[in-house]
């Protein structure tokens, strides 16, 4: 599940910029709690979008740990990237919001995948 959350975060930023050009210059620690996996995925992506909107951060590296709590789940993550620079990062599509629409978390024998739709 943690790796799927990392990949979802990378996909979110890939919609907005070419993440291969984003260097790991700044680190942000994220800690969130939610009652279930879908709420945690929504809160995770929403928090990353907040960092982008409020601080002009674009991210390219994510290290996620997800654990159970008495009330649900907790995510602790280290997120790395840098401030958006139009000379370096060509802007792709602006993401306005994360949605619950068509959100899915699928588990297979040895894998987990997540799907989230964003509002552009």
PDB file of N, CA and C in Angstrom:
ATOM      1  N   UNK A   1       0.824  -1.198   0.000  1.00  0.00           N
ATOM      2  CA  UNK A   1       0.000   0.000   0.000  1.00  0.00           C
ATOM      3  C   UNK A   1       0.868   1.261   0.000  1.00  0.00           C
ATOM      4  N   UNK A   2       1.940   1.249   0.771  1.00  0.00           N
ATOM      5  CA  UNK A   2       2.818   2.422   0.844  1.00  0.00           C
ATOM      6  C   UNK A   2       3.415   2.745  -0.526  1.00  0.00           C
ATOM      7  N   UNK A   3       3.866   1.720  -1.238  1.00  0.00           N
ATOM      8  CA  UNK A   3       4.450   1.954  -2.565  1.00  0.00           C
ATOM      9  C   UNK A   3       3.404   2.496  -3.539  1.00  0.00           C
ATOM     10  N   UNK A   4       2.177   2.011  -3.430  1.00  0.00           N
ATOM     11  CA  UNK A   4       1.104   2.521  -4.287  1.00  0.00           C
ATOM     12  C   UNK A   4       0.826   3.995  -3.991  1.00  0.00           C
ATOM     13  N   UNK A   5       0.890   4.390  -2.717  1.00  0.00           N
ATOM     14  CA  UNK A   5       0.713   5.793  -2.349  1.00  0.00           C
ATOM     15  C   UNK A   5       1.869   6.641  -2.896  1.00  0.00           C
ATOM     16  N   UNK A   6       3.082   6.104  -2.858  1.00  0.00           N
ATOM     17  CA  UNK A   6       4.237   6.816  -3.428  1.00  0.00           C
ATOM     18  C   UNK A   6       4.038   7.039  -4.925  1.00  0.00           C
ATOM     19  N   UNK A   7       3.590   5.988  -5.615  1.00  0.00           N
ATOM     20  CA  UNK A   7       3.377   6.090  -7.058  1.00  0.00           C
ATOM     21  C   UNK A   7       2.228   7.035  -7.401  1.00  0.00           C
ATOM     22  N   UNK A   8       1.185   7.055  -6.568  1.00  0.00           N
ATOM     23  CA  UNK A   8       0.071   7.984  -6.789  1.00  0.00           C
ATOM     24  C   UNK A   8       0.549   9.427  -6.655  1.00  0.00           C
ATOM     25  N   UNK A   9       1.411   9.674  -5.680  1.00  0.00           N
ATOM     26  CA  UNK A   9       1.961  11.022  -5.490  1.00  0.00           C
ATOM     27  C   UNK A   9       2.804  11.431  -6.694  1.00  0.00           C
ATOM     28  N   UNK A  10       3.633  10.517  -7.175  1.00  0.00           N
ATOM     29  CA  UNK A  10       4.455  10.809  -8.346  1.00  0.00           C
ATOM     30  C   UNK A  10       3.570  11.091  -9.559  1.00  0.00           C
ATOM     31  N   UNK A  11       2.518  10.300  -9.725  1.00  0.00           N
ATOM     32  CA  UNK A  11       1.599  10.509 -10.848  1.00  0.00           C
ATOM     33  C   UNK A  11       0.912  11.870 -10.757  1.00  0.00           C
ATOM     34  N   UNK A  12       0.545  12.285  -9.541  1.00  0.00           N
ATOM     35  CA  UNK A  12      -0.073  13.599  -9.351  1.00  0.00           C
ATOM     36  C   UNK A  12       0.844  14.705  -9.861  1.00  0.00           C
ATOM     37  N   UNK A  13       2.115  14.646  -9.477  1.00  0.00           N
ATOM     38  CA  UNK A  13       3.043  15.687  -9.911  1.00  0.00           C
ATOM     39  C   UNK A  13       3.422  15.537 -11.379  1.00  0.00           C
ATOM     40  N   UNK A  14       3.384  14.324 -11.903  1.00  0.00           N
ATOM     41  CA  UNK A  14       3.691  14.106 -13.319  1.00  0.00           C
ATOM     42  C   UNK A  14       2.627  14.755 -14.207  1.00  0.00           C
ATOM     43  N   UNK A  15       1.402  14.834 -13.725  1.00  0.00           N
ATOM     44  CA  UNK A  15       0.360  15.548 -14.463  1.00  0.00           C
ATOM     45  C   UNK A  15       0.744  17.019 -14.605  1.00  0.00           C
ATOM     46  N   UNK A  16       1.367  17.576 -13.564  1.00  0.00           N
ATOM     47  CA  UNK A  16       1.655  19.015 -13.516  1.00  0.00           C
ATOM     48  C   UNK A  16       2.995  19.409 -14.132  1.00  0.00           C
ATOM     49  N   UNK A  17       4.023  18.557 -13.968  1.00  0.00           N
ATOM     50  CA  UNK A  17       5.370  18.872 -14.471  1.00  0.00           C
ATOM     51  C   UNK A  17       6.086  17.582 -14.871  1.00  0.00           C
ATOM     52  N   UNK A  18       7.195  17.725 -15.565  1.00  0.00           N
ATOM     53  CA  UNK A  18       8.066  16.590 -15.861  1.00  0.00           C
ATOM     54  C   UNK A  18       8.897  16.333 -14.605  1.00  0.00           C
ATOM     55  N   UNK A  19       8.539  15.311 -13.834  1.00  0.00           N
ATOM     56  CA  UNK A  19       9.204  15.075 -12.547  1.00  0.00           C
ATOM     57  C   UNK A  19      10.661  14.656 -12.700  1.00  0.00           C
ATOM     58  N   UNK A  20      11.068  14.233 -13.890  1.00  0.00           N
ATOM     59  CA  UNK A  20      12.479  13.874 -14.078  1.00  0.00           C
ATOM     60  C   UNK A  20      13.382  15.106 -13.974  1.00  0.00           C
ATOM     61  N   UNK A  21      12.803  16.291 -14.101  1.00  0.00           N
ATOM     62  CA  UNK A  21      13.574  17.533 -13.992  1.00  0.00           C
ATOM     63  C   UNK A  21      13.498  18.152 -12.596  1.00  0.00           C
ATOM     64  N   UNK A  22      12.795  17.490 -11.684  1.00  0.00           N
ATOM     65  CA  UNK A  22      12.639  18.012 -10.322  1.00  0.00           C
ATOM     66  C   UNK A  22      13.720  17.408  -9.435  1.00  0.00           C
ATOM     67  N   UNK A  23      14.543  18.265  -8.857  1.00  0.00           N
ATOM     68  CA  UNK A  23      15.618  17.815  -7.973  1.00  0.00           C
ATOM     69  C   UNK A  23      15.143  17.783  -6.522  1.00  0.00           C
ATOM     70  N   UNK A  24      15.757  16.891  -5.749  1.00  0.00           N
ATOM     71  CA  UNK A  24      15.411  16.734  -4.333  1.00  0.00           C
ATOM     72  C   UNK A  24      16.194  17.745  -3.500  1.00  0.00           C
ATOM     73  N   UNK A  25      15.785  19.007  -3.564  1.00  0.00           N
ATOM     74  CA  UNK A  25      16.486  20.085  -2.860  1.00  0.00           C
ATOM     75  C   UNK A  25      15.869  20.403  -1.500  1.00  0.00           C
ATOM     76  N   UNK A  26      14.567  20.183  -1.365  1.00  0.00           N
ATOM     77  CA  UNK A  26      13.869  20.474  -0.110  1.00  0.00           C
ATOM     78  C   UNK A  26      13.119  19.234   0.345  1.00  0.00           C
ATOM     79  N   UNK A  27      13.071  19.045   1.668  1.00  0.00           N
ATOM     80  CA  UNK A  27      12.338  17.908   2.225  1.00  0.00           C
ATOM     81  C   UNK A  27      11.202  18.420   3.092  1.00  0.00           C
ATOM     82  N   UNK A  28      10.059  17.787   2.937  1.00  0.00           N
ATOM     83  CA  UNK A  28       8.890  18.093   3.748  1.00  0.00           C
ATOM     84  C   UNK A  28       8.438  16.790   4.395  1.00  0.00           C
ATOM     85  N   UNK A  29       8.197  16.826   5.697  1.00  0.00           N
ATOM     86  CA  UNK A  29       7.665  15.663   6.398  1.00  0.00           C
ATOM     87  C   UNK A  29       6.154  15.795   6.492  1.00  0.00           C
ATOM     88  N   UNK A  30       5.474  14.688   6.245  1.00  0.00           N
ATOM     89  CA  UNK A  30       4.012  14.670   6.263  1.00  0.00           C
ATOM     90  C   UNK A  30       3.554  13.593   7.228  1.00  0.00           C
ATOM     91  N   UNK A  31       2.609  13.938   8.081  1.00  0.00           N
ATOM     92  CA  UNK A  31       1.968  12.961   8.962  1.00  0.00           C
ATOM     93  C   UNK A  31       0.470  13.228   8.931  1.00  0.00           C
ATOM     94  N   UNK A  32      -0.287  12.204   8.565  1.00  0.00           N
ATOM     95  CA  UNK A  32      -1.739  12.323   8.462  1.00  0.00           C
ATOM     96  C   UNK A  32      -2.399  11.092   9.057  1.00  0.00           C
ATOM     97  N   UNK A  33      -3.603  11.269   9.574  1.00  0.00           N
ATOM     98  CA  UNK A  33      -4.405  10.152  10.072  1.00  0.00           C
ATOM     99  C   UNK A  33      -5.759  10.193   9.377  1.00  0.00           C
ATOM    100  N   UNK A  34      -6.317   9.003   9.137  1.00  0.00           N
ATOM    101  CA  UNK A  34      -7.638   8.909   8.516  1.00  0.00           C
ATOM    102  C   UNK A  34      -8.305   7.617   8.972  1.00  0.00           C
ATOM    103  N   UNK A  35      -9.623   7.562   8.791  1.00  0.00           N
ATOM    104  CA  UNK A  35     -10.379   6.407   9.271  1.00  0.00           C
ATOM    105  C   UNK A  35     -10.258   5.185   8.373  1.00  0.00           C
ATOM    106  N   UNK A  36      -9.930   5.382   7.077  1.00  0.00           N
ATOM    107  CA  UNK A  36      -9.791   4.234   6.177  1.00  0.00           C
ATOM    108  C   UNK A  36      -8.808   4.562   5.048  1.00  0.00           C
ATOM    109  N   UNK A  37      -8.555   3.578   4.201  1.00  0.00           N
ATOM    110  CA  UNK A  37      -7.548   3.726   3.147  1.00  0.00           C
ATOM    111  C   UNK A  37      -7.910   4.804   2.130  1.00  0.00           C
ATOM    112  N   UNK A  38      -9.173   4.855   1.715  1.00  0.00           N
ATOM    113  CA  UNK A  38      -9.571   5.866   0.726  1.00  0.00           C
ATOM    114  C   UNK A  38      -9.433   7.275   1.293  1.00  0.00           C
ATOM    115  N   UNK A  39      -9.852   7.454   2.528  1.00  0.00           N
ATOM    116  CA  UNK A  39      -9.724   8.778   3.158  1.00  0.00           C
ATOM    117  C   UNK A  39      -8.252   9.154   3.290  1.00  0.00           C
ATOM    118  N   UNK A  40      -7.406   8.166   3.598  1.00  0.00           N
ATOM    119  CA  UNK A  40      -5.976   8.435   3.726  1.00  0.00           C
ATOM    120  C   UNK A  40      -5.374   8.816   2.371  1.00  0.00           C
ATOM    121  N   UNK A  41      -5.763   8.110   1.318  1.00  0.00           N
ATOM    122  CA  UNK A  41      -5.271   8.439  -0.026  1.00  0.00           C
ATOM    123  C   UNK A  41      -5.704   9.850  -0.419  1.00  0.00           C
ATOM    124  N   UNK A  42      -6.973  10.161  -0.181  1.00  0.00           N
ATOM    125  CA  UNK A  42      -7.470  11.501  -0.499  1.00  0.00           C
ATOM    126  C   UNK A  42      -6.687  12.561   0.273  1.00  0.00           C
ATOM    127  N   UNK A  43      -6.551  12.377   1.587  1.00  0.00           N
ATOM    128  CA  UNK A  43      -5.849  13.360   2.425  1.00  0.00           C
ATOM    129  C   UNK A  43      -4.386  13.508   2.012  1.00  0.00           C
ATOM    130  N   UNK A  44      -3.746  12.398   1.654  1.00  0.00           N
ATOM    131  CA  UNK A  44      -2.344  12.393   1.221  1.00  0.00           C
ATOM    132  C   UNK A  44      -2.162  13.243  -0.039  1.00  0.00           C
ATOM    133  N   UNK A  45      -2.952  12.951  -1.058  1.00  0.00           N
ATOM    134  CA  UNK A  45      -2.819  13.689  -2.313  1.00  0.00           C
ATOM    135  C   UNK A  45      -3.237  15.150  -2.139  1.00  0.00           C
ATOM    136  N   UNK A  46      -4.260  15.381  -1.334  1.00  0.00           N
ATOM    137  CA  UNK A  46      -4.716  16.743  -1.077  1.00  0.00           C
ATOM    138  C   UNK A  46      -3.641  17.564  -0.362  1.00  0.00           C
ATOM    139  N   UNK A  47      -2.945  16.959   0.585  1.00  0.00           N
ATOM    140  CA  UNK A  47      -1.869  17.657   1.303  1.00  0.00           C
ATOM    141  C   UNK A  47      -0.727  18.000   0.344  1.00  0.00           C
ATOM    142  N   UNK A  48      -0.376  17.072  -0.539  1.00  0.00           N
ATOM    143  CA  UNK A  48       0.684  17.347  -1.514  1.00  0.00           C
ATOM    144  C   UNK A  48       0.281  18.470  -2.467  1.00  0.00           C
ATOM    145  N   UNK A  49      -0.975  18.469  -2.869  1.00  0.00           N
ATOM    146  CA  UNK A  49      -1.465  19.541  -3.730  1.00  0.00           C
ATOM    147  C   UNK A  49      -1.431  20.880  -2.987  1.00  0.00           C
ATOM    148  N   UNK A  50      -1.709  20.862  -1.689  1.00  0.00           N
ATOM    149  CA  UNK A  50      -1.610  22.074  -0.873  1.00  0.00           C
ATOM    150  C   UNK A  50      -0.175  22.615  -0.882  1.00  0.00           C
ATOM    151  N   UNK A  51       0.809  21.721  -0.686  1.00  0.00           N
ATOM    152  CA  UNK A  51       2.212  22.160  -0.713  1.00  0.00           C
ATOM    153  C   UNK A  51       2.547  22.817  -2.054  1.00  0.00           C
ATOM    154  N   UNK A  52       2.013  22.250  -3.125  1.00  0.00           N
ATOM    155  CA  UNK A  52       2.253  22.819  -4.452  1.00  0.00           C
ATOM    156  C   UNK A  52       1.609  24.201  -4.576  1.00  0.00           C
ATOM    157  N   UNK A  53       0.354  24.292  -4.184  1.00  0.00           N
ATOM    158  CA  UNK A  53      -0.381  25.548  -4.344  1.00  0.00           C
ATOM    159  C   UNK A  53       0.116  26.646  -3.403  1.00  0.00           C
ATOM    160  N   UNK A  54       0.357  26.307  -2.152  1.00  0.00           N
ATOM    161  CA  UNK A  54       0.717  27.315  -1.147  1.00  0.00           C
ATOM    162  C   UNK A  54       2.190  27.702  -1.189  1.00  0.00           C
ATOM    163  N   UNK A  55       3.052  26.736  -1.519  1.00  0.00           N
ATOM    164  CA  UNK A  55       4.497  26.968  -1.447  1.00  0.00           C
ATOM    165  C   UNK A  55       5.221  26.834  -2.783  1.00  0.00           C
ATOM    166  N   UNK A  56       4.462  26.628  -3.860  1.00  0.00           N
ATOM    167  CA  UNK A  56       5.035  26.447  -5.197  1.00  0.00           C
ATOM    168  C   UNK A  56       6.062  25.314  -5.233  1.00  0.00           C
ATOM    169  N   UNK A  57       5.789  24.248  -4.476  1.00  0.00           N
ATOM    170  CA  UNK A  57       6.695  23.103  -4.463  1.00  0.00           C
ATOM    171  C   UNK A  57       6.254  22.068  -5.484  1.00  0.00           C
ATOM    172  N   UNK A  58       7.221  21.536  -6.212  1.00  0.00           N
ATOM    173  CA  UNK A  58       6.993  20.376  -7.067  1.00  0.00           C
ATOM    174  C   UNK A  58       7.833  19.247  -6.488  1.00  0.00           C
ATOM    175  N   UNK A  59       7.262  18.080  -6.407  1.00  0.00           N
ATOM    176  CA  UNK A  59       7.903  16.962  -5.719  1.00  0.00           C
ATOM    177  C   UNK A  59       8.186  15.820  -6.685  1.00  0.00           C
ATOM    178  N   UNK A  60       9.234  15.066  -6.365  1.00  0.00           N
ATOM    179  CA  UNK A  60       9.589  13.949  -7.244  1.00  0.00           C
ATOM    180  C   UNK A  60      10.010  12.692  -6.489  1.00  0.00           C
ATOM    181  N   UNK A  61      10.211  12.797  -5.184  1.00  0.00           N
ATOM    182  CA  UNK A  61      10.610  11.620  -4.399  1.00  0.00           C
ATOM    183  C   UNK A  61       9.727  11.525  -3.169  1.00  0.00           C
ATOM    184  N   UNK A  62       9.282  10.301  -2.906  1.00  0.00           N
ATOM    185  CA  UNK A  62       8.341  10.076  -1.823  1.00  0.00           C
ATOM    186  C   UNK A  62       8.723   8.801  -1.082  1.00  0.00           C
ATOM    187  N   UNK A  63       8.805   8.877   0.215  1.00  0.00           N
ATOM    188  CA  UNK A  63       9.051   7.694   1.048  1.00  0.00           C
ATOM    189  C   UNK A  63       7.915   7.631   2.053  1.00  0.00           C
ATOM    190  N   UNK A  64       7.071   6.630   1.915  1.00  0.00           N
ATOM    191  CA  UNK A  64       5.833   6.535   2.681  1.00  0.00           C
ATOM    192  C   UNK A  64       5.861   5.332   3.610  1.00  0.00           C
ATOM    193  N   UNK A  65       5.361   5.534   4.822  1.00  0.00           N
ATOM    194  CA  UNK A  65       5.131   4.448   5.773  1.00  0.00           C
ATOM    195  C   UNK A  65       3.684   4.573   6.237  1.00  0.00           C
ATOM    196  N   UNK A  66       2.941   3.484   6.149  1.00  0.00           N
ATOM    197  CA  UNK A  66       1.540   3.474   6.576  1.00  0.00           C
ATOM    198  C   UNK A  66       1.397   2.459   7.697  1.00  0.00           C
ATOM    199  N   UNK A  67       0.764   2.876   8.778  1.00  0.00           N
ATOM    200  CA  UNK A  67       0.562   1.982   9.919  1.00  0.00           C
ATOM    201  C   UNK A  67      -0.872   2.094  10.422  1.00  0.00           C
ATOM    202  N   UNK A  68      -1.302   1.061  11.135  1.00  0.00           N
ATOM    203  CA  UNK A  68      -2.639   1.057  11.726  1.00  0.00           C
ATOM    204  C   UNK A  68      -2.598   1.788  13.059  1.00  0.00           C
ATOM    205  N   UNK A  69      -3.693   2.466  13.362  1.00  0.00           N
ATOM    206  CA  UNK A  69      -3.869   3.132  14.647  1.00  0.00           C
ATOM    207  C   UNK A  69      -5.188   2.637  15.241  1.00  0.00           C
ATOM    208  N   UNK A  70      -5.449   2.925  16.507  1.00  0.00           N
ATOM    209  CA  UNK A  70      -6.737   2.515  17.080  1.00  0.00           C
ATOM    210  C   UNK A  70      -7.942   3.115  16.342  1.00  0.00           C
ATOM    211  N   UNK A  71      -7.743   4.265  15.709  1.00  0.00           N
ATOM    212  CA  UNK A  71      -8.846   4.941  15.019  1.00  0.00           C
ATOM    213  C   UNK A  71      -8.839   4.765  13.504  1.00  0.00           C
ATOM    214  N   UNK A  72      -7.872   4.052  12.966  1.00  0.00           N
ATOM    215  CA  UNK A  72      -7.803   3.885  11.514  1.00  0.00           C
ATOM    216  C   UNK A  72      -6.393   3.672  11.024  1.00  0.00           C
ATOM    217  N   UNK A  73      -5.895   4.607  10.235  1.00  0.00           N
ATOM    218  CA  UNK A  73      -4.571   4.491   9.628  1.00  0.00           C
ATOM    219  C   UNK A  73      -3.803   5.796   9.769  1.00  0.00           C
ATOM    220  N   UNK A  74      -2.481   5.668   9.722  1.00  0.00           N
ATOM    221  CA  UNK A  74      -1.611   6.839   9.793  1.00  0.00           C
ATOM    222  C   UNK A  74      -0.555   6.722   8.703  1.00  0.00           C
ATOM    223  N   UNK A  75      -0.271   7.839   8.062  1.00  0.00           N
ATOM    224  CA  UNK A  75       0.802   7.896   7.079  1.00  0.00           C
ATOM    225  C   UNK A  75       1.881   8.829   7.616  1.00  0.00           C
ATOM    226  N   UNK A  76       3.117   8.366   7.527  1.00  0.00           N
ATOM    227  CA  UNK A  76       4.277   9.193   7.829  1.00  0.00           C
ATOM    228  C   UNK A  76       5.144   9.141   6.582  1.00  0.00           C
ATOM    229  N   UNK A  77       5.462  10.304   6.054  1.00  0.00           N
ATOM    230  CA  UNK A  77       6.169  10.330   4.775  1.00  0.00           C
ATOM    231  C   UNK A  77       7.200  11.445   4.732  1.00  0.00           C
ATOM    232  N   UNK A  78       8.245  11.187   3.974  1.00  0.00           N
ATOM    233  CA  UNK A  78       9.220  12.205   3.612  1.00  0.00           C
ATOM    234  C   UNK A  78       9.051  12.488   2.134  1.00  0.00           C
ATOM    235  N   UNK A  79       8.897  13.743   1.802  1.00  0.00           N
ATOM    236  CA  UNK A  79       8.631  14.163   0.433  1.00  0.00           C
ATOM    237  C   UNK A  79       9.734  15.128   0.019  1.00  0.00           C
ATOM    238  N   UNK A  80      10.317  14.905  -1.161  1.00  0.00           N
ATOM    239  CA  UNK A  80      11.419  15.758  -1.598  1.00  0.00           C
ATOM    240  C   UNK A  80      11.152  16.349  -2.979  1.00  0.00           C
ATOM    241  N   UNK A  81      11.596  17.579  -3.127  1.00  0.00           N
ATOM    242  CA  UNK A  81      11.434  18.278  -4.394  1.00  0.00           C
ATOM    243  C   UNK A  81      12.069  19.649  -4.318  1.00  0.00           C
ATOM    244  N   UNK A  82      11.510  20.577  -5.066  1.00  0.00           N
ATOM    245  CA  UNK A  82      12.048  21.935  -5.080  1.00  0.00           C
ATOM    246  C   UNK A  82      10.951  22.910  -5.481  1.00  0.00           C
ATOM    247  N   UNK A  83      11.253  24.178  -5.364  1.00  0.00           N
ATOM    248  CA  UNK A  83      10.297  25.217  -5.759  1.00  0.00           C
ATOM    249  C   UNK A  83      10.161  25.231  -7.287  1.00  0.00           C
ATOM    250  N   UNK A  84       8.947  25.433  -7.724  1.00  0.00           N
ATOM    251  CA  UNK A  84       8.678  25.497  -9.157  1.00  0.00           C
ATOM    252  C   UNK A  84       9.457  26.651  -9.781  1.00  0.00           C
ATOM    253  N   UNK A  85      10.149  26.335 -10.875  1.00  0.00           N
ATOM    254  CA  UNK A  85      10.929  27.328 -11.608  1.00  0.00           C
ATOM    255  C   UNK A  85      10.513  27.214 -13.077  1.00  0.00           C
ATOM    256  N   UNK A  86       9.801  28.214 -13.608  1.00  0.00           N
ATOM    257  CA  UNK A  86       9.314  28.109 -14.985  1.00  0.00           C
ATOM    258  C   UNK A  86      10.419  27.946 -16.020  1.00  0.00           C
ATOM    259  N   UNK A  87      11.622  28.401 -15.709  1.00  0.00           N
ATOM    260  CA  UNK A  87      12.736  28.235 -16.644  1.00  0.00           C
ATOM    261  C   UNK A  87      13.215  26.785 -16.689  1.00  0.00           C
ATOM    262  N   UNK A  88      12.969  26.050 -15.618  1.00  0.00           N
ATOM    263  CA  UNK A  88      13.436  24.666 -15.513  1.00  0.00           C
ATOM    264  C   UNK A  88      12.300  23.657 -15.679  1.00  0.00           C
ATOM    265  N   UNK A  89      11.161  23.949 -15.106  1.00  0.00           N
ATOM    266  CA  UNK A  89      10.024  23.021 -15.096  1.00  0.00           C
ATOM    267  C   UNK A  89       8.940  23.528 -16.040  1.00  0.00           C
ATOM    268  N   UNK A  90       8.774  22.859 -17.146  1.00  0.00           N
ATOM    269  CA  UNK A  90       7.695  23.264 -18.041  1.00  0.00           C
ATOM    270  C   UNK A  90       6.374  22.789 -17.437  1.00  0.00           C
ATOM    271  N   UNK A  91       5.472  23.737 -17.232  1.00  0.00           N
ATOM    272  CA  UNK A  91       4.193  23.414 -16.607  1.00  0.00           C
ATOM    273  C   UNK A  91       3.323  22.657 -17.594  1.00  0.00           C
ATOM    274  N   UNK A  92       2.716  21.593 -17.119  1.00  0.00           N
ATOM    275  CA  UNK A  92       1.825  20.791 -17.957  1.00  0.00           C
ATOM    276  C   UNK A  92       0.378  21.201 -17.671  1.00  0.00           C
ATOM    277  N   UNK A  93      -0.329  20.395 -16.938  1.00  0.00           N
ATOM    278  CA  UNK A  93      -1.735  20.651 -16.634  1.00  0.00           C
ATOM    279  C   UNK A  93      -1.890  20.983 -15.159  1.00  0.00           C
ATOM    280  N   UNK A  94      -2.562  22.070 -14.866  1.00  0.00           N
ATOM    281  CA  UNK A  94      -2.792  22.458 -13.470  1.00  0.00           C
ATOM    282  C   UNK A  94      -3.858  21.552 -12.860  1.00  0.00           C
ATOM    283  N   UNK A  95      -3.577  21.039 -11.678  1.00  0.00           N
ATOM    284  CA  UNK A  95      -4.546  20.229 -10.939  1.00  0.00           C
ATOM    285  C   UNK A  95      -5.206  21.134  -9.913  1.00  0.00           C
ATOM    286  N   UNK A  96      -6.542  21.198  -9.958  1.00  0.00           N
ATOM    287  CA  UNK A  96      -7.285  22.058  -9.036  1.00  0.00           C
ATOM    288  C   UNK A  96      -7.595  21.358  -7.724  1.00  0.00           C
ATOM    289  N   UNK A  97      -7.928  20.062  -7.806  1.00  0.00           N
ATOM    290  CA  UNK A  97      -8.348  19.355  -6.596  1.00  0.00           C
ATOM    291  C   UNK A  97      -8.269  17.850  -6.793  1.00  0.00           C
ATOM    292  N   UNK A  98      -8.196  17.151  -5.677  1.00  0.00           N
ATOM    293  CA  UNK A  98      -8.303  15.695  -5.641  1.00  0.00           C
ATOM    294  C   UNK A  98      -9.779  15.388  -5.396  1.00  0.00           C
ATOM    295  N   UNK A  99     -10.278  14.290  -5.958  1.00  0.00           N
ATOM    296  CA  UNK A  99     -11.684  13.927  -5.752  1.00  0.00           C
ATOM    297  C   UNK A  99     -11.793  12.478  -5.281  1.00  0.00           C
ATOM    298  N   UNK A 100     -12.949  12.140  -4.745  1.00  0.00           N
ATOM    299  CA  UNK A 100     -13.256  10.749  -4.406  1.00  0.00           C
ATOM    300  C   UNK A 100     -13.861  10.014  -5.597  1.00  0.00           C
ATOM    301  N   UNK A 101     -14.177  10.735  -6.672  1.00  0.00           N
ATOM    302  CA  UNK A 101     -14.825  10.149  -7.841  1.00  0.00           C
ATOM    303  C   UNK A 101     -13.963   9.024  -8.419  1.00  0.00           C
ATOM    304  N   UNK A 102     -14.540   7.847  -8.519  1.00  0.00           N
ATOM    305  CA  UNK A 102     -13.886   6.661  -9.080  1.00  0.00           C
ATOM    306  C   UNK A 102     -12.626   6.246  -8.312  1.00  0.00           C
ATOM    307  N   UNK A 103     -12.469   6.708  -7.083  1.00  0.00           N
ATOM    308  CA  UNK A 103     -11.303   6.311  -6.293  1.00  0.00           C
ATOM    309  C   UNK A 103     -11.402   4.822  -5.979  1.00  0.00           C
ATOM    310  N   UNK A 104     -10.297   4.130  -6.182  1.00  0.00           N
ATOM    311  CA  UNK A 104     -10.244   2.691  -5.923  1.00  0.00           C
ATOM    312  C   UNK A 104      -8.916   2.317  -5.296  1.00  0.00           C
ATOM    313  N   UNK A 105      -8.971   1.322  -4.432  1.00  0.00           N
ATOM    314  CA  UNK A 105      -7.764   0.686  -3.909  1.00  0.00           C
ATOM    315  C   UNK A 105      -7.963  -0.803  -4.127  1.00  0.00           C
ATOM    316  N   UNK A 106      -7.134  -1.386  -4.972  1.00  0.00           N
ATOM    317  CA  UNK A 106      -7.258  -2.801  -5.334  1.00  0.00           C
ATOM    318  C   UNK A 106      -6.047  -3.564  -4.815  1.00  0.00           C
ATOM    319  N   UNK A 107      -6.331  -4.715  -4.249  1.00  0.00           N
ATOM    320  CA  UNK A 107      -5.256  -5.565  -3.736  1.00  0.00           C
ATOM    321  C   UNK A 107      -5.253  -6.889  -4.491  1.00  0.00           C
ATOM    322  N   UNK A 108      -4.063  -7.259  -4.943  1.00  0.00           N
ATOM    323  CA  UNK A 108      -3.877  -8.554  -5.575  1.00  0.00           C
ATOM    324  C   UNK A 108      -3.077  -9.444  -4.648  1.00  0.00           C
ATOM    325  N   UNK A 109      -2.640 -10.569  -5.161  1.00  0.00           N
ATOM    326  CA  UNK A 109      -1.881 -11.505  -4.335  1.00  0.00           C
ATOM    327  C   UNK A 109      -0.610 -10.857  -3.786  1.00  0.00           C
ATOM    328  N   UNK A 110       0.162 -10.243  -4.655  1.00  0.00           N
ATOM    329  CA  UNK A 110       1.431  -9.640  -4.237  1.00  0.00           C
ATOM    330  C   UNK A 110       1.533  -8.163  -4.595  1.00  0.00           C
ATOM    331  N   UNK A 111       0.392  -7.531  -4.855  1.00  0.00           N
ATOM    332  CA  UNK A 111       0.468  -6.129  -5.255  1.00  0.00           C
ATOM    333  C   UNK A 111      -0.776  -5.372  -4.805  1.00  0.00           C
ATOM    334  N   UNK A 112      -0.634  -4.078  -4.849  1.00  0.00           N
ATOM    335  CA  UNK A 112      -1.731  -3.181  -4.507  1.00  0.00           C
ATOM    336  C   UNK A 112      -1.690  -2.040  -5.507  1.00  0.00           C
ATOM    337  N   UNK A 113      -2.844  -1.604  -5.972  1.00  0.00           N
ATOM    338  CA  UNK A 113      -2.883  -0.448  -6.864  1.00  0.00           C
ATOM    339  C   UNK A 113      -3.963   0.511  -6.381  1.00  0.00           C
ATOM    340  N   UNK A 114      -3.732   1.772  -6.655  1.00  0.00           N
ATOM    341  CA  UNK A 114      -4.703   2.793  -6.279  1.00  0.00           C
ATOM    342  C   UNK A 114      -5.058   3.604  -7.510  1.00  0.00           C
ATOM    343  N   UNK A 115      -6.257   4.141  -7.491  1.00  0.00           N
ATOM    344  CA  UNK A 115      -6.717   5.013  -8.574  1.00  0.00           C
ATOM    345  C   UNK A 115      -7.392   6.215  -7.943  1.00  0.00           C
ATOM    346  N   UNK A 116      -7.029   7.386  -8.394  1.00  0.00           N
ATOM    347  CA  UNK A 116      -7.666   8.617  -7.937  1.00  0.00           C
ATOM    348  C   UNK A 116      -7.842   9.539  -9.134  1.00  0.00           C
ATOM    349  N   UNK A 117      -8.967  10.202  -9.181  1.00  0.00           N
ATOM    350  CA  UNK A 117      -9.255  11.149 -10.251  1.00  0.00           C
ATOM    351  C   UNK A 117      -9.067  12.551  -9.696  1.00  0.00           C
ATOM    352  N   UNK A 118      -8.400  13.397 -10.472  1.00  0.00           N
ATOM    353  CA  UNK A 118      -8.181  14.778 -10.049  1.00  0.00           C
ATOM    354  C   UNK A 118      -8.987  15.721 -10.937  1.00  0.00           C
ATOM    355  N   UNK A 119      -9.326  16.860 -10.372  1.00  0.00           N
ATOM    356  CA  UNK A 119     -10.049  17.902 -11.096  1.00  0.00           C
ATOM    357  C   UNK A 119      -9.026  18.850 -11.715  1.00  0.00           C
ATOM    358  N   UNK A 120      -9.122  19.043 -13.044  1.00  0.00           N
ATOM    359  CA  UNK A 120      -8.158  19.928 -13.713  1.00  0.00           C
ATOM    360  C   UNK A 120      -8.846  21.167 -14.266  1.00  0.00           C
TER     361      UNK A 120
END
